[in-house]
Structure formats: structure tokens, C-alpha cells
Amino acid sequence: MLRISLLIVLTMVPAISMAQGIGGTVRVVDGDTFDVGGTRVRLHGVDAPEDGQPCTDADGVTWDCGAWVTQQVRRRIGARMARCDAVDIDRYGRTVATCTVAGQDVGRMLVSEGLALAYRKYSMAYDLDEKRAVIAGRGLHAHRFDRPAEFRRASRADRAAQGAAPDPDCLIKGNISRSGKRIHHLPGQADYARTVIRPAQGERWFCSEGQARAAGWRRARR
């Protein structure tokens, strides 16, 4: 009976942690990602330009709107206290959450000011806020730019065409040998640099060793 009770308590811990929320001082990583206290948080329902993503103004001048957005967000909420309610965990291990600063919904603020876009793939909560920002020409909407998800997709395709990892956070090479063995190579291993990934032949990139093992790949011996 005691063992069953302990098991119930342990299985409830993640749910309790999620329900309690996250609070702390904000350190802005980029336009939609923050460290809140000791937790890396990805804002739910919004998508901001990536660092290095170009925008073009009315005069045809191209500039780094991702870096600009990060700077603007840092000015607004950097070093302030935030309260976040967890929604999910993404594939990078970040906590996806809605956050408030001084009682104001951070996602709504950023989308309303044209510093981020509504990420409709995951939520329609900020759909009307983005539409109003577009009509008013606020922030990013005064310029020409690709939606962040489209920019990331194009960047991944370019990297793949050049033989590089499509995702800079997923650098483990999943190779299939001539004999059909599935072997993954970590950065720094002897054959890593000369191993070429051929997606058309079933080879792939992995973000972690656990992911590679779960898919049936074993680590290279050297």
C-alpha cells in the first residue's frame, strides 16, 4: 500500500510543478525566448524573427530585424519580474508558457506592438492583435519580411543543400553503412567530418543521443 501511494505521489510531481507556474527575473534570450528565474521559457502562441533574419524598409535597405526585436524586447521586459504558466515542453527542452509582467500578457504586448507574430499553428489567441498591428503598420509591419517559420524553413533547406545540419541544434549524424548498420556520429568523433548525410537513403540528423538510440542508431566506436 505504501509503495502504491509513493508511486502516485511521484507521478503527480510533474503535473503539480506545471500547475504551480514559474516566476522570477527575466533575461531576454531573443524575441520569444527568455530565462525566467532558472527556467528557459519559449512564449506560447507567438513567433519572433530569428537573429540574422533580414527585413527590408521602404527605401530597399535590408537590416537584421531579429536582432532589433531582441533589443526592443530587452528594453521592455529585461530584468523585470515575470510570472509564467507552463503549457508544454518543446523538443529543445524549453518550457512553453504564457507570461505576464506587471499583470500584462507579454505575448499580447509583443504581437500588438509588431515585435512578434501570432503563431497560429499553436494558438489563435493573438490572431486579432496581429491583424490590428498590420493595419496600423506597427513595428515589423512597416517593413517587408518573411514570417519567422518560413525563414527557418528556407534556412534549413539551404543548410541541407550545402550538406550541413538543417537545424544547428541537431548535429548528430545518423549514417547507414553499406552493410545496413545504423551508426550515429557525434561532433568530434574520428569519422564525423567525412560522414555525409543522405536523407534520400534514410540517413538523418539527430538532436540528442537518446533520440538516435530510440530510432535504432548505435554510437560509432571511434
Protein backbone atom coordinates (compact mmCIF):
# COMPACT_ATOMS: atom_id res chain seq x y z
CA MET A 1 0.00 0.00 0.00
CA LEU A 2 2.82 2.39 0.92
CA ARG A 3 4.59 1.58 -2.36
CA ILE A 4 1.43 2.34 -4.37
CA SER A 5 0.92 5.63 -2.51
CA LEU A 6 4.52 6.67 -3.17
CA LEU A 7 4.12 5.86 -6.87
CA ILE A 8 1.00 8.02 -7.07
CA VAL A 9 2.81 10.94 -5.43
CA LEU A 10 5.80 10.63 -7.77
CA THR A 11 3.64 10.55 -10.90
CA MET A 12 1.86 13.68 -9.70
CA VAL A 13 5.05 15.74 -9.28
CA PRO A 14 5.34 16.92 -12.93
CA ALA A 15 1.68 17.93 -13.02
CA ILE A 16 2.00 19.81 -9.74
CA SER A 17 5.13 21.62 -10.96
CA MET A 18 3.38 22.67 -14.17
CA ALA A 19 0.35 23.89 -12.25
CA GLN A 20 2.44 25.98 -9.83
CA GLY A 21 3.85 28.10 -12.66
CA ILE A 22 7.21 29.84 -12.97
CA GLY A 23 8.33 33.16 -11.58
CA GLY A 24 11.47 35.24 -11.49
CA THR A 25 13.58 37.90 -13.15
CA VAL A 26 13.54 37.95 -16.94
CA ARG A 27 16.68 37.56 -19.03
CA VAL A 28 15.82 38.03 -22.69
CA VAL A 29 17.45 35.44 -24.98
CA ASP A 30 15.66 36.53 -28.14
CA GLY A 31 12.30 37.94 -29.18
CA ASP A 32 10.24 34.99 -27.94
CA THR A 33 12.60 33.13 -25.60
CA PHE A 34 13.52 34.15 -22.05
CA ASP A 35 15.14 32.82 -18.93
CA VAL A 36 12.66 33.34 -16.10
CA GLY A 37 14.38 32.60 -12.83
CA GLY A 38 16.28 29.45 -13.72
CA THR A 39 13.87 28.23 -16.42
CA ARG A 40 14.26 28.63 -20.19
CA VAL A 41 10.85 29.73 -21.48
CA ARG A 42 9.53 29.83 -25.05
CA LEU A 43 6.45 32.07 -25.28
CA HIS A 44 3.32 30.20 -26.28
CA GLY A 45 1.39 31.36 -29.35
CA VAL A 46 3.91 33.91 -30.67
CA ASP A 47 6.82 33.77 -33.11
CA ALA A 48 9.51 36.44 -33.37
CA PRO A 49 12.16 36.90 -36.09
CA GLU A 50 15.40 34.97 -35.67
CA ASP A 51 18.72 36.73 -35.11
CA GLY A 52 20.14 37.30 -38.56
CA GLN A 53 16.72 37.36 -40.23
CA PRO A 54 16.55 40.27 -42.70
CA CYS A 55 13.83 42.88 -43.08
CA THR A 56 13.68 45.45 -45.89
CA ASP A 57 12.46 49.00 -45.34
CA ALA A 58 10.61 51.29 -47.77
CA ASP A 59 13.93 52.53 -49.22
CA GLY A 60 15.09 48.99 -50.01
CA VAL A 61 17.59 48.90 -47.15
CA THR A 62 17.99 45.46 -45.55
CA TRP A 63 18.70 45.13 -41.84
CA ASP A 64 18.75 42.49 -39.09
CA CYS A 65 15.23 42.66 -37.71
CA GLY A 66 15.78 39.65 -35.45
CA ALA A 67 18.50 41.47 -33.51
CA TRP A 68 16.36 44.63 -33.45
CA VAL A 69 13.38 42.77 -31.99
CA THR A 70 15.58 41.19 -29.31
CA GLN A 71 16.84 44.64 -28.35
CA GLN A 72 13.31 46.08 -28.20
CA VAL A 73 12.02 43.20 -26.08
CA ARG A 74 15.01 43.54 -23.73
CA ARG A 75 14.20 47.23 -23.22
CA ARG A 76 10.61 46.44 -22.33
CA ILE A 77 10.88 43.45 -20.01
CA GLY A 78 14.57 42.68 -19.41
CA ALA A 79 15.42 42.39 -15.69
CA ARG A 80 11.72 42.72 -14.72
CA MET A 81 9.76 40.16 -12.72
CA ALA A 82 7.58 37.75 -14.70
CA ARG A 83 5.02 35.11 -13.88
CA CYS A 84 4.62 32.27 -16.41
CA ASP A 85 2.14 29.43 -16.68
CA ALA A 86 3.53 26.36 -18.42
CA VAL A 87 1.64 24.93 -21.39
CA ASP A 88 4.07 22.34 -22.77
CA ILE A 89 7.71 21.32 -23.18
CA ASP A 90 9.17 21.70 -26.69
CA ARG A 91 11.68 19.41 -28.41
CA TYR A 92 14.59 21.54 -27.19
CA GLY A 93 13.55 21.05 -23.59
CA ARG A 94 12.26 24.59 -23.18
CA THR A 95 9.11 25.27 -21.19
CA VAL A 96 6.42 26.67 -23.49
CA ALA A 97 4.41 29.15 -21.43
CA THR A 98 2.28 32.25 -21.33
CA CYS A 99 3.88 35.02 -19.27
CA THR A 100 2.82 38.24 -17.62
CA VAL A 101 4.88 41.23 -16.48
CA ALA A 102 3.14 43.72 -14.18
CA GLY A 103 -0.12 41.92 -14.98
CA GLN A 104 0.28 42.40 -18.74
CA ASP A 105 0.29 39.43 -21.14
CA VAL A 106 3.77 39.56 -22.70
CA GLY A 107 2.74 37.68 -25.84
CA ARG A 108 -0.15 40.06 -26.49
CA MET A 109 2.08 43.08 -25.88
CA LEU A 110 4.73 41.88 -28.35
CA VAL A 111 2.23 40.99 -31.07
CA SER A 112 0.26 44.23 -30.57
CA GLU A 113 3.43 46.31 -30.92
CA GLY A 114 4.53 44.44 -34.04
CA LEU A 115 7.56 42.83 -32.39
CA ALA A 116 6.29 39.27 -32.87
CA LEU A 117 3.66 37.46 -34.89
CA ALA A 118 0.77 35.27 -33.86
CA TYR A 119 1.94 31.64 -34.13
CA ARG A 120 -1.39 30.33 -35.42
CA LYS A 121 -0.04 26.78 -35.79
CA TYR A 122 -0.17 26.52 -31.99
CA SER A 123 -2.67 29.16 -30.86
CA MET A 124 -5.18 31.68 -32.22
CA ALA A 125 -5.04 33.74 -29.02
CA TYR A 126 -3.19 36.65 -30.65
CA ASP A 127 -4.70 36.49 -34.14
CA LEU A 128 -6.67 39.74 -33.87
CA ASP A 129 -3.78 41.51 -32.16
CA GLU A 130 -1.56 40.79 -35.16
CA LYS A 131 -4.22 41.90 -37.63
CA ARG A 132 -4.61 45.23 -35.81
CA ALA A 133 -0.80 45.69 -35.80
CA VAL A 134 -0.67 45.01 -39.55
CA ILE A 135 -3.39 47.59 -40.28
CA ALA A 136 -1.59 50.17 -38.12
CA GLY A 137 1.81 49.35 -39.63
CA ARG A 138 3.39 48.89 -36.21
CA GLY A 139 6.90 47.58 -35.69
CA LEU A 140 7.83 44.86 -38.17
CA HIS A 141 4.70 45.52 -40.22
CA ALA A 142 6.17 48.80 -41.51
CA HIS A 143 8.71 46.66 -43.42
CA ARG A 144 8.92 43.65 -45.73
CA PHE A 145 9.94 40.36 -44.14
CA ASP A 146 9.24 36.63 -44.15
CA ARG A 147 7.29 35.06 -41.34
CA PRO A 148 9.84 33.53 -38.93
CA ALA A 149 8.66 29.96 -39.55
CA GLU A 150 9.11 30.45 -43.31
CA PHE A 151 12.58 31.94 -42.78
CA ARG A 152 13.60 28.97 -40.62
CA ARG A 153 12.25 26.51 -43.20
CA ALA A 154 14.20 28.18 -46.01
CA SER A 155 17.35 28.29 -43.86
CA ARG A 156 17.08 24.58 -43.10
CA ALA A 157 16.67 23.81 -46.80
CA ASP A 158 19.74 25.89 -47.66
CA ARG A 159 21.80 24.18 -44.99
CA ALA A 160 20.69 20.75 -46.14
CA ALA A 161 21.57 21.59 -49.75
CA GLN A 162 25.05 22.56 -48.59
CA GLY A 163 25.44 19.29 -46.68
CA ALA A 164 25.11 20.99 -43.28
CA ALA A 165 22.71 20.15 -40.47
CA PRO A 166 19.29 21.66 -41.25
CA ASP A 167 18.94 22.56 -37.56
CA PRO A 168 22.03 24.00 -35.79
CA ASP A 169 20.90 22.34 -32.54
CA CYS A 170 20.75 18.88 -34.14
CA LEU A 171 24.32 17.95 -35.10
CA ILE A 172 24.45 14.19 -34.56
CA LYS A 173 24.87 12.35 -37.87
CA GLY A 174 22.80 9.21 -38.36
CA ASN A 175 24.63 7.23 -41.05
CA ILE A 176 23.71 3.88 -42.65
CA SER A 177 26.70 1.74 -43.56
CA ARG A 178 26.97 -0.35 -46.74
CA SER A 179 26.03 -3.40 -44.72
CA GLY A 180 22.89 -1.64 -43.47
CA LYS A 181 24.08 -0.87 -39.93
CA ARG A 182 22.72 2.31 -38.42
CA ILE A 183 25.53 4.24 -36.73
CA HIS A 184 25.45 7.75 -35.31
CA HIS A 185 28.49 10.02 -35.13
CA LEU A 186 28.95 12.75 -32.53
CA PRO A 187 30.82 16.00 -33.27
CA GLY A 188 34.49 15.41 -32.50
CA GLN A 189 34.50 11.67 -33.27
CA ALA A 190 37.05 10.38 -35.78
CA ASP A 191 34.71 9.90 -38.77
CA TYR A 192 32.31 12.77 -38.06
CA ALA A 193 33.74 15.29 -40.54
CA ARG A 194 33.84 12.91 -43.51
CA THR A 195 30.41 11.38 -42.86
CA VAL A 196 27.85 12.75 -45.31
CA ILE A 197 24.14 12.51 -44.53
CA ARG A 198 21.94 11.37 -47.43
CA PRO A 199 18.27 11.83 -46.42
CA ALA A 200 17.05 10.16 -49.62
CA GLN A 201 18.73 6.95 -48.42
CA GLY A 202 17.16 7.04 -44.96
CA GLU A 203 20.01 8.81 -43.17
CA ARG A 204 19.18 11.66 -40.82
CA TRP A 205 20.30 14.20 -38.24
CA PHE A 206 19.56 13.82 -34.53
CA CYS A 207 19.27 16.38 -31.74
CA SER A 208 20.39 14.03 -28.95
CA GLU A 209 21.92 10.61 -28.44
CA GLY A 210 18.73 9.47 -26.75
CA GLN A 211 16.78 10.34 -29.88
CA ALA A 212 19.31 8.47 -32.06
CA ARG A 213 19.22 5.35 -29.85
CA ALA A 214 15.43 5.37 -29.75
CA ALA A 215 15.37 5.42 -33.56
CA GLY A 216 17.68 2.41 -33.74
CA TRP A 217 21.09 4.01 -34.28
CA ARG A 218 24.15 2.99 -32.20
CA ARG A 219 27.13 5.22 -31.45
CA ALA A 220 30.23 4.93 -33.67
CA ARG A 221 33.10 3.19 -31.88
CA ARG A 222 35.54 5.99 -32.64
